[in-house]
N, C-alpha and C. Protein backbone atom coordinates (compact mmCIF):
# COMPACT_ATOMS: atom_id res chain seq x y z
N UNK A 1 22.02 103.83 66.90
CA UNK A 1 23.50 104.38 67.22
C UNK A 1 23.85 105.43 66.37
N UNK A 2 24.81 106.21 66.72
CA UNK A 2 25.16 107.28 66.17
C UNK A 2 26.35 106.73 65.09
N UNK A 3 26.74 107.66 64.08
CA UNK A 3 27.60 107.35 63.35
C UNK A 3 29.19 107.38 63.98
N UNK A 4 29.20 108.01 65.16
CA UNK A 4 30.65 107.81 65.90
C UNK A 4 31.09 106.27 65.90
N UNK A 5 30.32 105.29 65.82
CA UNK A 5 30.97 103.85 66.03
C UNK A 5 29.92 103.18 65.22
N UNK A 6 30.18 102.47 64.10
CA UNK A 6 29.19 101.63 63.54
C UNK A 6 29.76 100.82 62.51
N UNK A 7 28.99 99.49 62.22
CA UNK A 7 29.50 98.53 61.25
C UNK A 7 28.96 99.25 60.09
N UNK A 8 30.12 98.86 59.05
CA UNK A 8 30.08 99.40 57.53
C UNK A 8 29.96 98.28 56.97
N UNK A 9 30.14 96.90 56.98
CA UNK A 9 30.06 95.89 56.25
C UNK A 9 30.63 94.73 56.85
N UNK A 10 30.74 93.61 56.34
CA UNK A 10 31.16 92.24 56.66
C UNK A 10 32.94 92.41 56.45
N UNK A 11 33.58 92.00 57.43
CA UNK A 11 35.07 91.86 56.91
C UNK A 11 35.49 90.51 56.94
N UNK A 12 35.12 89.53 57.19
CA UNK A 12 35.22 88.35 57.39
C UNK A 12 34.31 87.21 57.56
N UNK A 13 34.31 85.97 57.19
CA UNK A 13 33.37 84.84 57.48
C UNK A 13 34.51 83.70 57.68
N UNK A 14 34.53 83.35 59.05
CA UNK A 14 35.50 82.34 59.63
C UNK A 14 34.62 81.02 60.31
N UNK A 15 35.05 80.01 59.93
CA UNK A 15 34.12 78.62 59.95
C UNK A 15 35.42 77.59 60.33
N UNK A 16 34.84 76.86 61.45
CA UNK A 16 35.27 75.50 61.49
C UNK A 16 35.44 74.49 60.66
N UNK A 17 36.62 73.71 60.26
CA UNK A 17 36.31 72.53 59.33
C UNK A 17 37.27 71.53 59.95
N UNK A 18 37.07 70.35 59.51
CA UNK A 18 37.88 69.11 60.07
C UNK A 18 39.13 69.12 59.37
N UNK A 19 39.30 69.94 58.11
CA UNK A 19 40.42 69.80 57.43
C UNK A 19 40.50 71.02 56.41
N UNK A 20 40.80 72.30 57.23
CA UNK A 20 40.97 73.69 56.47
C UNK A 20 41.47 73.57 54.98
N UNK A 21 43.05 72.89 55.10
CA UNK A 21 43.70 72.67 53.55
C UNK A 21 42.80 72.11 52.73
N UNK A 22 42.30 70.75 52.99
CA UNK A 22 41.60 70.24 52.09
C UNK A 22 40.25 71.05 51.60
N UNK A 23 39.60 71.76 52.57
CA UNK A 23 38.43 72.71 52.33
C UNK A 23 38.77 73.76 51.23
N UNK A 24 39.88 74.44 51.85
CA UNK A 24 40.63 75.42 50.93
C UNK A 24 40.57 75.03 49.36
N UNK A 25 41.11 73.64 49.23
CA UNK A 25 41.38 73.32 48.02
C UNK A 25 40.42 72.88 47.28
N UNK A 26 39.31 72.33 48.03
CA UNK A 26 37.99 72.10 47.35
C UNK A 26 37.13 73.40 46.91
N UNK A 27 37.23 74.35 47.85
CA UNK A 27 36.80 75.72 47.15
C UNK A 27 37.53 76.03 46.18
N UNK A 28 38.82 76.15 46.04
CA UNK A 28 39.65 76.58 44.84
C UNK A 28 39.21 75.87 43.43
N UNK A 29 39.31 74.37 43.65
CA UNK A 29 38.92 73.46 42.52
C UNK A 29 37.59 73.62 42.02
N UNK A 30 36.77 73.61 42.90
CA UNK A 30 35.16 73.61 42.45
C UNK A 30 34.51 74.87 42.23
N UNK A 31 34.98 76.21 43.07
CA UNK A 31 34.41 77.14 42.99
C UNK A 31 35.36 78.48 42.48
N UNK A 32 36.43 78.14 42.21
CA UNK A 32 37.34 79.09 41.86
C UNK A 32 37.95 79.89 42.74
N UNK A 33 37.89 79.75 43.79
CA UNK A 33 38.48 80.83 45.00
C UNK A 33 40.13 80.45 44.94
N UNK A 34 40.83 81.68 44.87
CA UNK A 34 41.90 81.89 44.91
C UNK A 34 42.35 81.97 46.23
N UNK A 35 43.01 80.71 46.81
CA UNK A 35 43.24 80.45 48.29
C UNK A 35 44.90 80.54 48.50
N UNK A 36 45.02 80.92 49.96
CA UNK A 36 46.49 81.04 50.47
C UNK A 36 46.31 80.26 51.78
N UNK A 37 47.41 80.71 52.70
CA UNK A 37 47.35 80.00 53.90
C UNK A 37 46.24 80.43 54.82
N UNK A 38 45.68 81.46 54.59
CA UNK A 38 44.64 82.07 55.41
C UNK A 38 43.26 81.72 55.00
N UNK A 39 43.13 81.72 53.53
CA UNK A 39 41.64 81.28 52.90
C UNK A 39 41.83 82.18 51.84
N UNK A 40 40.80 83.07 51.65
CA UNK A 40 40.46 83.50 50.38
C UNK A 40 40.18 85.12 50.52
N UNK A 41 40.54 86.21 49.95
CA UNK A 41 40.02 87.48 50.28
C UNK A 41 39.40 87.96 48.98
N UNK A 42 38.42 88.54 49.20
CA UNK A 42 37.07 89.22 48.28
C UNK A 42 37.53 90.56 48.13
N UNK A 43 37.47 91.28 47.21
CA UNK A 43 37.65 92.80 46.86
C UNK A 43 36.31 93.39 46.52
N UNK A 44 36.13 94.43 47.16
CA UNK A 44 34.98 95.27 46.55
C UNK A 44 35.21 96.97 46.70
N UNK A 45 34.27 97.76 46.18
CA UNK A 45 34.53 99.09 46.31
C UNK A 45 33.74 99.71 47.58
N UNK A 46 34.10 100.70 48.09
CA UNK A 46 33.51 101.38 48.98
C UNK A 46 32.53 102.07 48.24
N UNK A 47 31.31 102.27 48.64
CA UNK A 47 30.24 102.78 47.84
C UNK A 47 30.39 104.35 48.42
N UNK A 48 30.72 104.83 49.28
CA UNK A 48 31.05 106.00 49.76
C UNK A 48 32.20 106.68 49.23
N UNK A 49 33.14 105.69 49.30
CA UNK A 49 34.29 106.58 48.59
C UNK A 49 34.90 105.26 47.29
N UNK A 50 34.19 105.31 46.10
CA UNK A 50 34.60 104.57 45.34
C UNK A 50 36.04 103.95 44.80
N UNK A 51 36.90 104.95 45.01
CA UNK A 51 38.52 104.78 44.59
C UNK A 51 39.05 103.70 45.78
N UNK A 52 38.51 103.54 46.96
CA UNK A 52 38.99 102.67 47.97
C UNK A 52 38.62 101.37 47.89
N UNK A 53 39.22 100.45 47.68
CA UNK A 53 39.02 99.17 47.72
C UNK A 53 39.11 98.43 49.05
N UNK A 54 37.86 97.61 49.33
CA UNK A 54 37.67 96.89 50.62
C UNK A 54 37.93 95.62 50.67
N UNK A 55 38.30 94.94 51.59
CA UNK A 55 38.52 93.41 51.67
C UNK A 55 37.64 92.57 52.75
N UNK A 56 37.02 91.55 52.13
CA UNK A 56 36.46 90.39 53.14
C UNK A 56 37.20 89.46 53.12
N UNK A 57 37.61 88.75 54.16
CA UNK A 57 38.61 87.42 54.32
C UNK A 57 37.56 86.43 54.55
N UNK A 58 37.57 84.99 53.86
CA UNK A 58 37.10 84.11 53.96
C UNK A 58 38.15 82.83 54.45
N UNK A 59 37.90 82.43 55.93
CA UNK A 59 39.00 81.61 56.41
C UNK A 59 38.28 80.38 57.10
N UNK A 60 38.55 78.99 56.42
CA UNK A 60 38.40 77.80 57.42
C UNK A 60 39.36 77.49 58.31
N UNK A 61 38.97 77.71 59.80
CA UNK A 61 39.82 77.16 60.74
C UNK A 61 39.71 75.93 61.26
N UNK A 62 40.65 75.04 61.84
CA UNK A 62 40.84 73.81 62.32
C UNK A 62 39.71 73.71 63.43
N UNK A 63 38.87 72.59 63.47
CA UNK A 63 37.77 72.41 64.35
C UNK A 63 38.15 72.44 65.84
N UNK A 64 39.27 72.31 66.08
CA UNK A 64 39.67 72.48 67.71
C UNK A 64 40.55 73.85 68.05
N UNK A 65 40.20 74.73 66.97
CA UNK A 65 40.69 76.06 67.28
C UNK A 65 39.96 76.58 68.62
N UNK A 66 40.70 77.48 69.41
CA UNK A 66 40.06 78.30 70.30
C UNK A 66 39.84 79.68 70.32
N UNK A 67 40.06 80.26 68.80
CA UNK A 67 39.89 81.42 68.44
C UNK A 67 38.37 81.91 68.67
N UNK A 68 37.32 80.86 68.54
CA UNK A 68 36.06 81.43 68.48
C UNK A 68 35.61 81.36 70.07
N UNK A 69 36.42 80.85 71.04
CA UNK A 69 35.83 80.85 72.30
C UNK A 69 35.67 82.32 72.86
N UNK A 70 34.60 82.52 73.94
CA UNK A 70 34.03 81.57 74.46
C UNK A 70 32.73 80.80 73.73
N UNK A 71 32.85 81.30 72.66
CA UNK A 71 31.28 80.90 71.69
C UNK A 71 31.59 79.34 71.56
N UNK A 72 30.56 78.52 71.54
CA UNK A 72 30.49 77.18 71.14
C UNK A 72 30.15 77.20 69.52
N UNK A 73 29.79 78.10 69.06
CA UNK A 73 29.52 78.14 67.63
C UNK A 73 30.44 77.64 66.74
N UNK A 74 30.38 77.22 65.47
CA UNK A 74 31.11 76.61 64.64
C UNK A 74 31.71 77.85 63.34
N UNK A 75 30.96 79.02 63.97
CA UNK A 75 31.50 80.18 62.74
C UNK A 75 31.85 81.47 63.66
N UNK A 76 32.33 82.21 62.98
CA UNK A 76 32.27 83.66 63.90
C UNK A 76 32.59 84.80 62.45
N UNK A 77 31.72 85.68 62.52
CA UNK A 77 31.71 86.94 61.62
C UNK A 77 32.42 87.97 61.94
N UNK A 78 33.30 88.40 61.04
CA UNK A 78 34.06 89.73 61.22
C UNK A 78 33.27 90.80 60.63
N UNK A 79 33.22 91.83 61.40
CA UNK A 79 32.49 92.98 61.07
C UNK A 79 33.37 94.31 60.99
N UNK A 80 33.07 94.95 59.57
CA UNK A 80 33.91 96.16 59.68
C UNK A 80 33.37 97.10 60.41
N UNK A 81 34.24 98.05 61.16
CA UNK A 81 33.30 99.19 61.70
C UNK A 81 34.22 100.39 61.57
N UNK A 82 33.49 101.64 61.86
CA UNK A 82 34.31 102.88 62.06
C UNK A 82 34.36 103.17 63.54
N UNK A 83 35.61 103.84 63.57
CA UNK A 83 35.74 104.44 65.03
C UNK A 83 35.78 103.34 66.03
N UNK A 84 36.47 102.33 65.95
CA UNK A 84 36.53 101.27 67.09
C UNK A 84 36.68 101.68 68.50
N UNK A 85 37.46 102.58 68.70
CA UNK A 85 37.70 103.16 69.99
C UNK A 85 36.35 103.72 70.70
N UNK A 86 35.53 104.43 69.88
CA UNK A 86 34.44 105.04 70.33
C UNK A 86 33.39 104.11 70.34
N UNK A 87 33.33 102.96 69.49
CA UNK A 87 32.30 101.97 69.41
C UNK A 87 32.48 101.23 70.86
N UNK A 88 33.58 100.67 70.97
CA UNK A 88 33.89 100.03 72.29
C UNK A 88 33.31 100.72 73.28
N UNK A 89 33.44 101.86 73.52
CA UNK A 89 33.11 102.68 74.81
C UNK A 89 31.52 102.76 74.90
N UNK A 90 30.94 102.88 73.57
CA UNK A 90 29.35 102.67 73.73
C UNK A 90 28.70 101.13 74.06
N UNK A 91 29.68 100.01 73.66
CA UNK A 91 29.43 98.86 73.58
C UNK A 91 29.24 98.46 75.12
N UNK A 92 30.50 99.02 75.90
CA UNK A 92 30.68 98.72 77.32
C UNK A 92 29.34 99.47 78.17
N UNK A 93 29.15 100.68 77.64
CA UNK A 93 28.00 101.51 78.46
C UNK A 93 26.75 100.62 78.36
N UNK A 94 26.62 99.97 77.08
CA UNK A 94 25.41 99.25 76.85
C UNK A 94 25.44 98.03 77.73
N UNK A 95 26.45 97.52 78.36
CA UNK A 95 26.58 96.24 78.84
C UNK A 95 27.09 94.80 77.98
N UNK A 96 27.53 95.28 76.79
CA UNK A 96 28.20 94.12 75.99
C UNK A 96 29.28 93.75 76.51
N UNK A 97 29.50 92.57 76.32
CA UNK A 97 30.60 91.62 76.83
C UNK A 97 31.70 91.67 76.03
N UNK A 98 32.85 92.42 76.33
CA UNK A 98 34.06 92.54 75.47
C UNK A 98 34.85 91.45 76.14
N UNK A 99 35.33 90.62 75.31
CA UNK A 99 36.23 89.49 75.31
C UNK A 99 37.51 89.62 75.63
N UNK A 100 38.24 90.61 75.17
CA UNK A 100 39.53 90.90 75.25
C UNK A 100 39.99 92.29 75.04
N UNK A 101 41.19 92.69 74.85
CA UNK A 101 41.60 94.13 74.58
C UNK A 101 41.81 94.31 73.31
N UNK A 102 41.64 95.50 73.04
CA UNK A 102 42.03 96.02 71.42
C UNK A 102 43.18 95.56 71.02
N UNK A 103 43.28 95.15 70.00
CA UNK A 103 44.77 94.97 69.40
C UNK A 103 44.90 95.76 68.11
N UNK A 104 46.02 96.56 67.81
CA UNK A 104 46.32 97.41 66.66
C UNK A 104 47.53 96.77 65.96
N UNK A 105 47.16 96.55 64.48
CA UNK A 105 48.01 96.15 63.67
C UNK A 105 48.11 97.16 62.44
N UNK A 106 49.25 96.81 61.50
CA UNK A 106 49.06 97.94 60.50
C UNK A 106 48.21 97.91 59.44
N UNK A 107 47.14 96.58 59.50
CA UNK A 107 46.15 96.72 58.83
C UNK A 107 44.92 96.77 59.72
N UNK A 108 45.05 97.29 60.74
CA UNK A 108 43.65 97.62 61.36
C UNK A 108 43.60 97.48 63.16
N UNK A 109 42.54 97.89 63.48
CA UNK A 109 42.32 97.66 65.05
C UNK A 109 41.32 96.57 65.11
N UNK A 110 41.42 95.60 66.14
CA UNK A 110 40.63 94.46 66.40
C UNK A 110 39.97 94.48 67.76
N UNK A 111 38.98 93.83 68.09
CA UNK A 111 38.31 93.47 69.52
C UNK A 111 37.40 92.68 69.13
N UNK A 112 36.91 91.76 70.02
CA UNK A 112 36.08 90.39 69.99
C UNK A 112 34.79 90.85 70.95
N UNK A 113 33.92 90.83 71.02
CA UNK A 113 32.81 90.57 71.59
C UNK A 113 31.68 89.55 71.59
N UNK A 114 30.50 89.46 72.39
CA UNK A 114 29.61 88.57 72.56
C UNK A 114 28.47 89.15 71.96
N UNK A 115 27.59 88.78 71.27
CA UNK A 115 26.26 89.11 71.09
C UNK A 115 25.25 88.60 71.71
N UNK A 116 23.68 89.06 71.64
CA UNK A 116 23.13 88.74 72.72
C UNK A 116 22.80 87.21 72.84
N UNK A 117 23.23 86.32 71.61
CA UNK A 117 23.15 84.79 71.89
C UNK A 117 24.29 84.03 72.20
N UNK A 118 25.37 84.77 72.48
CA UNK A 118 26.66 84.17 73.22
C UNK A 118 27.59 84.00 71.69
N UNK A 119 27.38 84.40 70.69
CA UNK A 119 28.35 84.48 69.10
C UNK A 119 29.38 85.26 69.28
N UNK A 120 30.59 84.83 69.40
CA UNK A 120 31.91 85.60 69.40
C UNK A 120 31.34 86.42 68.18
N UNK A 121 31.71 87.63 68.21
CA UNK A 121 32.00 88.52 66.92
C UNK A 121 33.08 89.42 66.89
N UNK A 122 33.93 89.23 65.53
CA UNK A 122 35.01 90.07 65.51
C UNK A 122 34.89 91.37 65.07
N UNK A 123 35.23 92.45 65.72
CA UNK A 123 35.02 93.85 65.31
C UNK A 123 36.51 94.37 64.72
N UNK A 124 36.36 94.92 63.32
CA UNK A 124 37.55 95.48 62.73
C UNK A 124 37.54 96.80 62.17
N UNK A 125 38.29 97.91 62.50
CA UNK A 125 38.32 99.02 62.03
C UNK A 125 39.70 98.86 61.13
N UNK A 126 39.28 98.73 59.44
CA UNK A 126 40.52 98.35 58.84
C UNK A 126 41.15 99.46 58.14
N UNK A 127 42.77 99.08 57.77
CA UNK A 127 43.41 99.73 57.22
C UNK A 127 43.64 98.97 55.67
N UNK A 128 42.73 99.25 54.92
CA UNK A 128 42.45 98.57 53.57
C UNK A 128 43.68 98.85 52.56
N UNK A 129 44.29 100.02 52.68
CA UNK A 129 45.48 100.08 51.97
C UNK A 129 46.56 99.39 52.10
N UNK A 130 46.94 98.95 53.33
CA UNK A 130 48.11 97.76 53.38
C UNK A 130 47.81 96.74 52.42
N UNK A 131 46.49 96.14 52.36
CA UNK A 131 46.27 95.00 51.52
C UNK A 131 46.34 95.67 49.96
N UNK A 132 45.89 96.62 49.61
CA UNK A 132 46.03 97.13 48.19
C UNK A 132 47.53 97.22 48.10
N UNK A 133 48.23 97.76 48.83
CA UNK A 133 49.64 97.96 48.48
C UNK A 133 50.41 96.85 48.36
N UNK A 134 50.08 95.56 49.30
CA UNK A 134 50.76 94.25 49.07
C UNK A 134 50.50 93.72 47.99
N UNK A 135 49.04 93.84 47.45
CA UNK A 135 48.54 93.14 46.11
C UNK A 135 49.26 93.76 45.05
N UNK A 136 49.54 95.30 45.14
CA UNK A 136 50.22 95.68 43.77
C UNK A 136 51.84 95.46 43.97
N UNK A 137 52.26 95.15 45.04
CA UNK A 137 53.61 94.84 45.13
C UNK A 137 53.92 93.44 44.65
N UNK A 138 52.82 92.50 44.14
CA UNK A 138 52.98 91.39 43.77
C UNK A 138 53.59 90.90 42.30
């Protein structure tokens, strides 16, 4: 695949849990994760731009969530990507199932696709600066 649209890393790990609140508390108590209502965020440096902080979101979801549908799996991976608009066009031309319309927020663009095994994947073109600015304002 060309560089016009590619995965650059993992943006999030999402999984189903019978009790997300207790799961977050367990990870906080036993493994030291700093959690909030969404889960926990991990920071790293972009190897290609070391001054840039990147974020990975870890989030347990309720077992009855429909966010992972149409996949029947207990998990969903979020991939950080470059040039999501161009990537989606390439995926469409390759016959990849696109699950929804692209959404744009101040922290990036998102779309969901299905991989060859029917796993739902979230693609995210991030705007990490929003999270950095939020953290610095605390």
